[in-house]
């Protein structure tokens, strides 16, 4: 059985109200460290990872700067046909808007 990659998003870049890039990296199997450090990644590339069956999660910083896994990211198709990133579930302090900006 093939293990799917797990990517983590630590920050977002917006153009107006639309997410245009995510700071995304490949998380190791232990979910404790990076296999590949986060780099700016266009939204279309994040969508490609999701379509390929990979998992994309959010990683939220705590007060000490350590990252903790948050909800999974999924794709939502807006009325005009644009693909957007949304969370599988949202909780206070764990929404996309709560991620740092870069």
PDB file of N, CA and C in Angstrom:
ATOM      1  N   UNK A   1       0.854  -1.184   0.000  1.00  0.00           N
ATOM      2  CA  UNK A   1       0.000   0.000   0.000  1.00  0.00           C
ATOM      3  C   UNK A   1       0.900   1.248   0.000  1.00  0.00           C
ATOM      4  N   UNK A   2       0.507   2.217  -0.763  1.00  0.00           N
ATOM      5  CA  UNK A   2       1.287   3.441  -0.913  1.00  0.00           C
ATOM      6  C   UNK A   2       0.953   4.420   0.200  1.00  0.00           C
ATOM      7  N   UNK A   3       1.988   4.915   0.899  1.00  0.00           N
ATOM      8  CA  UNK A   3       1.758   5.960   1.895  1.00  0.00           C
ATOM      9  C   UNK A   3       1.625   7.285   1.167  1.00  0.00           C
ATOM     10  N   UNK A   4       0.604   8.034   1.514  1.00  0.00           N
ATOM     11  CA  UNK A   4       0.403   9.349   0.926  1.00  0.00           C
ATOM     12  C   UNK A   4       1.197  10.377   1.702  1.00  0.00           C
ATOM     13  N   UNK A   5       1.655  11.380   0.989  1.00  0.00           N
ATOM     14  CA  UNK A   5       2.418  12.458   1.615  1.00  0.00           C
ATOM     15  C   UNK A   5       1.503  13.327   2.460  1.00  0.00           C
ATOM     16  N   UNK A   6       2.073  13.908   3.508  1.00  0.00           N
ATOM     17  CA  UNK A   6       1.360  14.874   4.340  1.00  0.00           C
ATOM     18  C   UNK A   6       2.110  16.193   4.246  1.00  0.00           C
ATOM     19  N   UNK A   7       1.406  17.215   3.799  1.00  0.00           N
ATOM     20  CA  UNK A   7       1.956  18.558   3.690  1.00  0.00           C
ATOM     21  C   UNK A   7       1.349  19.417   4.787  1.00  0.00           C
ATOM     22  N   UNK A   8       2.120  20.379   5.260  1.00  0.00           N
ATOM     23  CA  UNK A   8       1.645  21.304   6.278  1.00  0.00           C
ATOM     24  C   UNK A   8       1.705  22.734   5.785  1.00  0.00           C
ATOM     25  N   UNK A   9       0.659  23.493   6.082  1.00  0.00           N
ATOM     26  CA  UNK A   9       0.600  24.914   5.740  1.00  0.00           C
ATOM     27  C   UNK A   9       0.754  25.711   7.029  1.00  0.00           C
ATOM     28  N   UNK A  10       1.747  26.632   7.031  1.00  0.00           N
ATOM     29  CA  UNK A  10       2.035  27.417   8.234  1.00  0.00           C
ATOM     30  C   UNK A  10       1.633  28.878   8.121  1.00  0.00           C
ATOM     31  N   UNK A  11       1.429  29.375   6.898  1.00  0.00           N
ATOM     32  CA  UNK A  11       1.080  30.787   6.690  1.00  0.00           C
ATOM     33  C   UNK A  11       0.456  30.942   5.308  1.00  0.00           C
ATOM     34  N   UNK A  12      -0.232  32.050   5.112  1.00  0.00           N
ATOM     35  CA  UNK A  12      -0.919  32.313   3.840  1.00  0.00           C
ATOM     36  C   UNK A  12      -0.595  33.704   3.329  1.00  0.00           C
ATOM     37  N   UNK A  13      -0.672  33.848   2.010  1.00  0.00           N
ATOM     38  CA  UNK A  13      -0.554  35.172   1.366  1.00  0.00           C
ATOM     39  C   UNK A  13      -1.875  35.422   0.639  1.00  0.00           C
ATOM     40  N   UNK A  14      -2.381  36.624   0.822  1.00  0.00           N
ATOM     41  CA  UNK A  14      -3.658  37.006   0.224  1.00  0.00           C
ATOM     42  C   UNK A  14      -3.467  38.083  -0.834  1.00  0.00           C
ATOM     43  N   UNK A  15      -4.370  38.099  -1.806  1.00  0.00           N
ATOM     44  CA  UNK A  15      -4.555  39.216  -2.732  1.00  0.00           C
ATOM     45  C   UNK A  15      -6.009  39.620  -2.524  1.00  0.00           C
ATOM     46  N   UNK A  16      -6.212  40.697  -1.812  1.00  0.00           N
ATOM     47  CA  UNK A  16      -7.574  41.053  -1.419  1.00  0.00           C
ATOM     48  C   UNK A  16      -8.062  40.023  -0.410  1.00  0.00           C
ATOM     49  N   UNK A  17      -9.200  39.404  -0.685  1.00  0.00           N
ATOM     50  CA  UNK A  17      -9.732  38.384   0.227  1.00  0.00           C
ATOM     51  C   UNK A  17      -9.414  36.966  -0.244  1.00  0.00           C
ATOM     52  N   UNK A  18      -8.702  36.847  -1.368  1.00  0.00           N
ATOM     53  CA  UNK A  18      -8.397  35.526  -1.921  1.00  0.00           C
ATOM     54  C   UNK A  18      -6.999  35.050  -1.518  1.00  0.00           C
ATOM     55  N   UNK A  19      -6.904  33.794  -1.119  1.00  0.00           N
ATOM     56  CA  UNK A  19      -5.602  33.194  -0.836  1.00  0.00           C
ATOM     57  C   UNK A  19      -4.919  32.932  -2.174  1.00  0.00           C
ATOM     58  N   UNK A  20      -3.678  33.395  -2.315  1.00  0.00           N
ATOM     59  CA  UNK A  20      -2.944  33.186  -3.569  1.00  0.00           C
ATOM     60  C   UNK A  20      -1.731  32.282  -3.384  1.00  0.00           C
ATOM     61  N   UNK A  21      -1.194  32.225  -2.160  1.00  0.00           N
ATOM     62  CA  UNK A  21      -0.066  31.348  -1.879  1.00  0.00           C
ATOM     63  C   UNK A  21      -0.167  30.828  -0.450  1.00  0.00           C
ATOM     64  N   UNK A  22       0.437  29.655  -0.255  1.00  0.00           N
ATOM     65  CA  UNK A  22       0.536  29.069   1.077  1.00  0.00           C
ATOM     66  C   UNK A  22       1.993  28.743   1.344  1.00  0.00           C
ATOM     67  N   UNK A  23       2.443  28.974   2.554  1.00  0.00           N
ATOM     68  CA  UNK A  23       3.770  28.536   2.967  1.00  0.00           C
ATOM     69  C   UNK A  23       3.595  27.058   3.341  1.00  0.00           C
ATOM     70  N   UNK A  24       4.041  26.171   2.438  1.00  0.00           N
ATOM     71  CA  UNK A  24       3.745  24.754   2.588  1.00  0.00           C
ATOM     72  C   UNK A  24       5.018  23.921   2.495  1.00  0.00           C
ATOM     73  N   UNK A  25       5.107  22.906   3.355  1.00  0.00           N
ATOM     74  CA  UNK A  25       6.233  21.987   3.344  1.00  0.00           C
ATOM     75  C   UNK A  25       5.765  20.562   3.549  1.00  0.00           C
ATOM     76  N   UNK A  26       6.669  19.628   3.340  1.00  0.00           N
ATOM     77  CA  UNK A  26       6.371  18.207   3.502  1.00  0.00           C
ATOM     78  C   UNK A  26       6.711  17.807   4.934  1.00  0.00           C
ATOM     79  N   UNK A  27       5.726  17.267   5.639  1.00  0.00           N
ATOM     80  CA  UNK A  27       5.889  16.871   7.037  1.00  0.00           C
ATOM     81  C   UNK A  27       6.352  15.419   7.080  1.00  0.00           C
ATOM     82  N   UNK A  28       7.244  15.095   8.023  1.00  0.00           N
ATOM     83  CA  UNK A  28       7.699  13.704   8.128  1.00  0.00           C
ATOM     84  C   UNK A  28       6.604  12.832   8.749  1.00  0.00           C
ATOM     85  N   UNK A  29       6.824  11.531   8.735  1.00  0.00           N
ATOM     86  CA  UNK A  29       5.809  10.576   9.200  1.00  0.00           C
ATOM     87  C   UNK A  29       5.450  10.742  10.669  1.00  0.00           C
ATOM     88  N   UNK A  30       6.365  11.279  11.484  1.00  0.00           N
ATOM     89  CA  UNK A  30       6.087  11.453  12.902  1.00  0.00           C
ATOM     90  C   UNK A  30       5.260  12.704  13.182  1.00  0.00           C
ATOM     91  N   UNK A  31       5.119  13.563  12.165  1.00  0.00           N
ATOM     92  CA  UNK A  31       4.394  14.830  12.277  1.00  0.00           C
ATOM     93  C   UNK A  31       5.086  15.775  13.264  1.00  0.00           C
ATOM     94  N   UNK A  32       6.390  15.594  13.479  1.00  0.00           N
ATOM     95  CA  UNK A  32       7.143  16.396  14.425  1.00  0.00           C
ATOM     96  C   UNK A  32       8.130  17.321  13.716  1.00  0.00           C
ATOM     97  N   UNK A  33       8.643  16.908  12.568  1.00  0.00           N
ATOM     98  CA  UNK A  33       9.632  17.725  11.862  1.00  0.00           C
ATOM     99  C   UNK A  33       9.330  17.723  10.374  1.00  0.00           C
ATOM    100  N   UNK A  34      10.081  18.557   9.667  1.00  0.00           N
ATOM    101  CA  UNK A  34       9.889  18.705   8.227  1.00  0.00           C
ATOM    102  C   UNK A  34      10.789  17.737   7.461  1.00  0.00           C
ATOM    103  N   UNK A  35      10.258  17.108   6.410  1.00  0.00           N
ATOM    104  CA  UNK A  35      11.093  16.425   5.420  1.00  0.00           C
ATOM    105  C   UNK A  35      11.610  17.474   4.439  1.00  0.00           C
ATOM    106  N   UNK A  36      10.736  18.425   4.087  1.00  0.00           N
ATOM    107  CA  UNK A  36      11.107  19.572   3.250  1.00  0.00           C
ATOM    108  C   UNK A  36      10.482  20.805   3.874  1.00  0.00           C
ATOM    109  N   UNK A  37      11.324  21.784   4.210  1.00  0.00           N
ATOM    110  CA  UNK A  37      10.853  23.003   4.857  1.00  0.00           C
ATOM    111  C   UNK A  37       9.821  23.734   4.001  1.00  0.00           C
ATOM    112  N   UNK A  38       8.915  24.470   4.635  1.00  0.00           N
ATOM    113  CA  UNK A  38       7.895  25.221   3.904  1.00  0.00           C
ATOM    114  C   UNK A  38       8.502  26.273   2.975  1.00  0.00           C
ATOM    115  N   UNK A  39       7.902  26.379   1.804  1.00  0.00           N
ATOM    116  CA  UNK A  39       8.257  27.403   0.827  1.00  0.00           C
ATOM    117  C   UNK A  39       6.961  27.977   0.269  1.00  0.00           C
ATOM    118  N   UNK A  40       7.003  29.186  -0.291  1.00  0.00           N
ATOM    119  CA  UNK A  40       5.795  29.748  -0.903  1.00  0.00           C
ATOM    120  C   UNK A  40       5.307  28.842  -2.045  1.00  0.00           C
ATOM    121  N   UNK A  41       4.038  28.487  -1.981  1.00  0.00           N
ATOM    122  CA  UNK A  41       3.443  27.562  -2.936  1.00  0.00           C
ATOM    123  C   UNK A  41       2.136  28.150  -3.446  1.00  0.00           C
ATOM    124  N   UNK A  42       1.991  28.232  -4.769  1.00  0.00           N
ATOM    125  CA  UNK A  42       0.752  28.783  -5.338  1.00  0.00           C
ATOM    126  C   UNK A  42      -0.440  27.887  -4.983  1.00  0.00           C
ATOM    127  N   UNK A  43      -1.608  28.500  -4.840  1.00  0.00           N
ATOM    128  CA  UNK A  43      -2.818  27.764  -4.478  1.00  0.00           C
ATOM    129  C   UNK A  43      -3.075  26.624  -5.461  1.00  0.00           C
ATOM    130  N   UNK A  44      -2.854  26.846  -6.746  1.00  0.00           N
ATOM    131  CA  UNK A  44      -3.098  25.789  -7.733  1.00  0.00           C
ATOM    132  C   UNK A  44      -2.223  24.565  -7.444  1.00  0.00           C
ATOM    133  N   UNK A  45      -1.022  24.766  -6.920  1.00  0.00           N
ATOM    134  CA  UNK A  45      -0.152  23.642  -6.567  1.00  0.00           C
ATOM    135  C   UNK A  45      -0.652  22.916  -5.319  1.00  0.00           C
ATOM    136  N   UNK A  46      -1.223  23.658  -4.366  1.00  0.00           N
ATOM    137  CA  UNK A  46      -1.832  23.033  -3.192  1.00  0.00           C
ATOM    138  C   UNK A  46      -3.015  22.185  -3.643  1.00  0.00           C
ATOM    139  N   UNK A  47      -3.844  22.731  -4.525  1.00  0.00           N
ATOM    140  CA  UNK A  47      -4.988  21.989  -5.059  1.00  0.00           C
ATOM    141  C   UNK A  47      -4.513  20.721  -5.768  1.00  0.00           C
ATOM    142  N   UNK A  48      -3.440  20.825  -6.546  1.00  0.00           N
ATOM    143  CA  UNK A  48      -2.895  19.643  -7.231  1.00  0.00           C
ATOM    144  C   UNK A  48      -2.531  18.547  -6.233  1.00  0.00           C
ATOM    145  N   UNK A  49      -1.912  18.916  -5.105  1.00  0.00           N
ATOM    146  CA  UNK A  49      -1.532  17.928  -4.087  1.00  0.00           C
ATOM    147  C   UNK A  49      -2.781  17.223  -3.558  1.00  0.00           C
ATOM    148  N   UNK A  50      -3.832  18.005  -3.307  1.00  0.00           N
ATOM    149  CA  UNK A  50      -5.079  17.432  -2.797  1.00  0.00           C
ATOM    150  C   UNK A  50      -5.734  16.512  -3.818  1.00  0.00           C
ATOM    151  N   UNK A  51      -5.754  16.924  -5.079  1.00  0.00           N
ATOM    152  CA  UNK A  51      -6.347  16.110  -6.144  1.00  0.00           C
ATOM    153  C   UNK A  51      -5.582  14.793  -6.314  1.00  0.00           C
ATOM    154  N   UNK A  52      -4.263  14.843  -6.099  1.00  0.00           N
ATOM    155  CA  UNK A  52      -3.426  13.639  -6.202  1.00  0.00           C
ATOM    156  C   UNK A  52      -3.648  12.682  -5.026  1.00  0.00           C
ATOM    157  N   UNK A  53      -4.395  13.123  -4.012  1.00  0.00           N
ATOM    158  CA  UNK A  53      -4.697  12.259  -2.881  1.00  0.00           C
ATOM    159  C   UNK A  53      -3.818  12.482  -1.666  1.00  0.00           C
ATOM    160  N   UNK A  54      -2.931  13.477  -1.728  1.00  0.00           N
ATOM    161  CA  UNK A  54      -2.098  13.790  -0.569  1.00  0.00           C
ATOM    162  C   UNK A  54      -2.938  14.517   0.480  1.00  0.00           C
ATOM    163  N   UNK A  55      -2.469  14.490   1.703  1.00  0.00           N
ATOM    164  CA  UNK A  55      -3.126  15.186   2.805  1.00  0.00           C
ATOM    165  C   UNK A  55      -2.429  16.518   3.027  1.00  0.00           C
ATOM    166  N   UNK A  56      -3.228  17.562   3.214  1.00  0.00           N
ATOM    167  CA  UNK A  56      -2.691  18.881   3.544  1.00  0.00           C
ATOM    168  C   UNK A  56      -3.361  19.310   4.838  1.00  0.00           C
ATOM    169  N   UNK A  57      -2.530  19.632   5.834  1.00  0.00           N
ATOM    170  CA  UNK A  57      -3.048  20.063   7.128  1.00  0.00           C
ATOM    171  C   UNK A  57      -2.570  21.479   7.420  1.00  0.00           C
ATOM    172  N   UNK A  58      -3.222  22.116   8.360  1.00  0.00           N
ATOM    173  CA  UNK A  58      -2.755  23.402   8.861  1.00  0.00           C
ATOM    174  C   UNK A  58      -1.870  23.134  10.072  1.00  0.00           C
ATOM    175  N   UNK A  59      -0.915  24.017  10.283  1.00  0.00           N
ATOM    176  CA  UNK A  59      -0.036  23.953  11.449  1.00  0.00           C
ATOM    177  C   UNK A  59      -0.054  25.311  12.123  1.00  0.00           C
ATOM    178  N   UNK A  60      -0.570  25.363  13.343  1.00  0.00           N
ATOM    179  CA  UNK A  60      -0.734  26.623  14.058  1.00  0.00           C
ATOM    180  C   UNK A  60       0.344  26.789  15.116  1.00  0.00           C
ATOM    181  N   UNK A  61       0.928  28.004  15.206  1.00  0.00           N
ATOM    182  CA  UNK A  61       1.955  28.240  16.222  1.00  0.00           C
ATOM    183  C   UNK A  61       1.328  28.445  17.602  1.00  0.00           C
ATOM    184  N   UNK A  62       2.032  27.957  18.637  1.00  0.00           N
ATOM    185  CA  UNK A  62       1.602  28.263  19.998  1.00  0.00           C
ATOM    186  C   UNK A  62       2.372  29.481  20.503  1.00  0.00           C
ATOM    187  N   UNK A  63       2.203  29.815  21.772  1.00  0.00           N
ATOM    188  CA  UNK A  63       2.848  31.007  22.323  1.00  0.00           C
ATOM    189  C   UNK A  63       4.372  30.900  22.363  1.00  0.00           C
ATOM    190  N   UNK A  64       4.908  29.692  22.202  1.00  0.00           N
ATOM    191  CA  UNK A  64       6.360  29.480  22.201  1.00  0.00           C
ATOM    192  C   UNK A  64       6.916  29.333  20.786  1.00  0.00           C
ATOM    193  N   UNK A  65       6.041  29.457  19.777  1.00  0.00           N
ATOM    194  CA  UNK A  65       6.476  29.350  18.395  1.00  0.00           C
ATOM    195  C   UNK A  65       6.507  27.936  17.854  1.00  0.00           C
ATOM    196  N   UNK A  66       6.131  26.946  18.667  1.00  0.00           N
ATOM    197  CA  UNK A  66       6.080  25.571  18.185  1.00  0.00           C
ATOM    198  C   UNK A  66       4.798  25.375  17.390  1.00  0.00           C
ATOM    199  N   UNK A  67       4.876  24.545  16.347  1.00  0.00           N
ATOM    200  CA  UNK A  67       3.723  24.298  15.485  1.00  0.00           C
ATOM    201  C   UNK A  67       2.956  23.061  15.934  1.00  0.00           C
ATOM    202  N   UNK A  68       1.628  23.158  15.863  1.00  0.00           N
ATOM    203  CA  UNK A  68       0.755  22.052  16.248  1.00  0.00           C
ATOM    204  C   UNK A  68      -0.246  21.795  15.123  1.00  0.00           C
ATOM    205  N   UNK A  69      -0.476  20.507  14.799  1.00  0.00           N
ATOM    206  CA  UNK A  69      -1.410  20.179  13.717  1.00  0.00           C
ATOM    207  C   UNK A  69      -2.810  20.719  13.984  1.00  0.00           C
ATOM    208  N   UNK A  70      -3.391  21.274  12.934  1.00  0.00           N
ATOM    209  CA  UNK A  70      -4.764  21.752  12.976  1.00  0.00           C
ATOM    210  C   UNK A  70      -5.601  20.971  11.969  1.00  0.00           C
ATOM    211  N   UNK A  71      -6.738  21.507  11.587  1.00  0.00           N
ATOM    212  CA  UNK A  71      -7.632  20.823  10.664  1.00  0.00           C
ATOM    213  C   UNK A  71      -7.009  20.611   9.277  1.00  0.00           C
ATOM    214  N   UNK A  72      -7.535  19.605   8.582  1.00  0.00           N
ATOM    215  CA  UNK A  72      -7.118  19.355   7.202  1.00  0.00           C
ATOM    216  C   UNK A  72      -7.691  20.411   6.270  1.00  0.00           C
ATOM    217  N   UNK A  73      -6.963  20.631   5.180  1.00  0.00           N
ATOM    218  CA  UNK A  73      -7.378  21.571   4.143  1.00  0.00           C
ATOM    219  C   UNK A  73      -8.067  20.768   3.046  1.00  0.00           C
ATOM    220  N   UNK A  74      -9.096  21.352   2.457  1.00  0.00           N
ATOM    221  CA  UNK A  74      -9.753  20.734   1.304  1.00  0.00           C
ATOM    222  C   UNK A  74     -10.033  21.816   0.271  1.00  0.00           C
ATOM    223  N   UNK A  75     -10.514  21.398  -0.883  1.00  0.00           N
ATOM    224  CA  UNK A  75     -10.809  22.318  -1.980  1.00  0.00           C
ATOM    225  C   UNK A  75     -12.307  22.569  -2.022  1.00  0.00           C
ATOM    226  N   UNK A  76     -12.670  23.824  -2.221  1.00  0.00           N
ATOM    227  CA  UNK A  76     -14.059  24.197  -2.429  1.00  0.00           C
ATOM    228  C   UNK A  76     -14.124  24.930  -3.763  1.00  0.00           C
ATOM    229  N   UNK A  77     -15.096  24.592  -4.581  1.00  0.00           N
ATOM    230  CA  UNK A  77     -15.269  25.274  -5.864  1.00  0.00           C
ATOM    231  C   UNK A  77     -16.341  26.342  -5.672  1.00  0.00           C
ATOM    232  N   UNK A  78     -15.934  27.595  -5.871  1.00  0.00           N
ATOM    233  CA  UNK A  78     -16.852  28.720  -5.702  1.00  0.00           C
ATOM    234  C   UNK A  78     -17.823  28.799  -6.868  1.00  0.00           C
ATOM    235  N   UNK A  79     -18.878  29.606  -6.708  1.00  0.00           N
ATOM    236  CA  UNK A  79     -19.937  29.714  -7.717  1.00  0.00           C
ATOM    237  C   UNK A  79     -19.399  30.037  -9.104  1.00  0.00           C
ATOM    238  N   UNK A  80     -18.371  30.882  -9.196  1.00  0.00           N
ATOM    239  CA  UNK A  80     -17.824  31.257 -10.505  1.00  0.00           C
ATOM    240  C   UNK A  80     -16.843  30.227 -11.051  1.00  0.00           C
ATOM    241  N   UNK A  81     -16.674  29.097 -10.322  1.00  0.00           N
ATOM    242  CA  UNK A  81     -15.798  28.033 -10.802  1.00  0.00           C
ATOM    243  C   UNK A  81     -14.376  28.099 -10.287  1.00  0.00           C
ATOM    244  N   UNK A  82     -14.056  29.111  -9.486  1.00  0.00           N
ATOM    245  CA  UNK A  82     -12.723  29.250  -8.916  1.00  0.00           C
ATOM    246  C   UNK A  82     -12.538  28.252  -7.778  1.00  0.00           C
ATOM    247  N   UNK A  83     -11.363  27.624  -7.725  1.00  0.00           N
ATOM    248  CA  UNK A  83     -11.049  26.710  -6.637  1.00  0.00           C
ATOM    249  C   UNK A  83     -10.450  27.500  -5.475  1.00  0.00           C
ATOM    250  N   UNK A  84     -10.935  27.222  -4.275  1.00  0.00           N
ATOM    251  CA  UNK A  84     -10.466  27.911  -3.081  1.00  0.00           C
ATOM    252  C   UNK A  84     -10.132  26.883  -2.005  1.00  0.00           C
ATOM    253  N   UNK A  85      -9.253  27.272  -1.097  1.00  0.00           N
ATOM    254  CA  UNK A  85      -8.912  26.407   0.025  1.00  0.00           C
ATOM    255  C   UNK A  85      -9.852  26.692   1.187  1.00  0.00           C
ATOM    256  N   UNK A  86     -10.342  25.631   1.821  1.00  0.00           N
ATOM    257  CA  UNK A  86     -11.172  25.725   3.014  1.00  0.00           C
ATOM    258  C   UNK A  86     -10.722  24.621   3.968  1.00  0.00           C
ATOM    259  N   UNK A  87     -11.174  24.697   5.196  1.00  0.00           N
ATOM    260  CA  UNK A  87     -10.846  23.664   6.170  1.00  0.00           C
ATOM    261  C   UNK A  87     -11.964  22.639   6.251  1.00  0.00           C
ATOM    262  N   UNK A  88     -11.587  21.396   6.508  1.00  0.00           N
ATOM    263  CA  UNK A  88     -12.571  20.333   6.671  1.00  0.00           C
ATOM    264  C   UNK A  88     -13.481  20.632   7.863  1.00  0.00           C
ATOM    265  N   UNK A  89     -12.906  21.269   8.896  1.00  0.00           N
ATOM    266  CA  UNK A  89     -13.683  21.706  10.060  1.00  0.00           C
ATOM    267  C   UNK A  89     -13.006  22.934  10.638  1.00  0.00           C
ATOM    268  N   UNK A  90     -13.800  23.812  11.202  1.00  0.00           N
ATOM    269  CA  UNK A  90     -13.238  25.023  11.792  1.00  0.00           C
ATOM    270  C   UNK A  90     -13.574  25.079  13.274  1.00  0.00           C
ATOM    271  N   UNK A  91     -12.653  25.628  14.035  1.00  0.00           N
ATOM    272  CA  UNK A  91     -12.853  25.831  15.464  1.00  0.00           C
ATOM    273  C   UNK A  91     -12.238  27.186  15.810  1.00  0.00           C
ATOM    274  N   UNK A  92     -12.668  27.800  16.896  1.00  0.00           N
ATOM    275  CA  UNK A  92     -12.078  29.094  17.285  1.00  0.00           C
ATOM    276  C   UNK A  92     -10.553  28.981  17.383  1.00  0.00           C
ATOM    277  N   UNK A  93      -9.873  29.936  16.745  1.00  0.00           N
ATOM    278  CA  UNK A  93      -8.417  29.939  16.747  1.00  0.00           C
ATOM    279  C   UNK A  93      -7.795  28.975  15.755  1.00  0.00           C
ATOM    280  N   UNK A  94      -8.611  28.252  15.033  1.00  0.00           N
ATOM    281  CA  UNK A  94      -8.133  27.246  14.078  1.00  0.00           C
ATOM    282  C   UNK A  94      -8.824  27.394  12.715  1.00  0.00           C
ATOM    283  N   UNK A  95      -9.002  28.654  12.296  1.00  0.00           N
ATOM    284  CA  UNK A  95      -9.568  28.935  10.971  1.00  0.00           C
ATOM    285  C   UNK A  95      -8.435  29.354  10.053  1.00  0.00           C
ATOM    286  N   UNK A  96      -8.658  29.303   8.749  1.00  0.00           N
ATOM    287  CA  UNK A  96      -7.616  29.734   7.812  1.00  0.00           C
ATOM    288  C   UNK A  96      -7.182  31.162   8.097  1.00  0.00           C
ATOM    289  N   UNK A  97      -8.129  32.027   8.430  1.00  0.00           N
ATOM    290  CA  UNK A  97      -7.810  33.425   8.722  1.00  0.00           C
ATOM    291  C   UNK A  97      -6.939  33.580   9.965  1.00  0.00           C
ATOM    292  N   UNK A  98      -6.857  32.540  10.789  1.00  0.00           N
ATOM    293  CA  UNK A  98      -6.031  32.597  11.993  1.00  0.00           C
ATOM    294  C   UNK A  98      -4.573  32.254  11.727  1.00  0.00           C
ATOM    295  N   UNK A  99      -4.272  31.712  10.555  1.00  0.00           N
ATOM    296  CA  UNK A  99      -2.868  31.431  10.208  1.00  0.00           C
ATOM    297  C   UNK A  99      -2.124  32.734   9.970  1.00  0.00           C
ATOM    298  N   UNK A 100      -0.839  32.765  10.291  1.00  0.00           N
ATOM    299  CA  UNK A 100      -0.052  33.978  10.019  1.00  0.00           C
ATOM    300  C   UNK A 100      -0.031  34.321   8.533  1.00  0.00           C
ATOM    301  N   UNK A 101       0.226  35.583   8.220  1.00  0.00           N
ATOM    302  CA  UNK A 101       0.378  36.045   6.842  1.00  0.00           C
ATOM    303  C   UNK A 101       1.875  36.116   6.510  1.00  0.00           C
ATOM    304  N   UNK A 102       2.192  35.971   5.240  1.00  0.00           N
ATOM    305  CA  UNK A 102       3.587  36.177   4.817  1.00  0.00           C
ATOM    306  C   UNK A 102       3.619  36.995   3.565  1.00  0.00           C
TER     307      UNK A 102
END
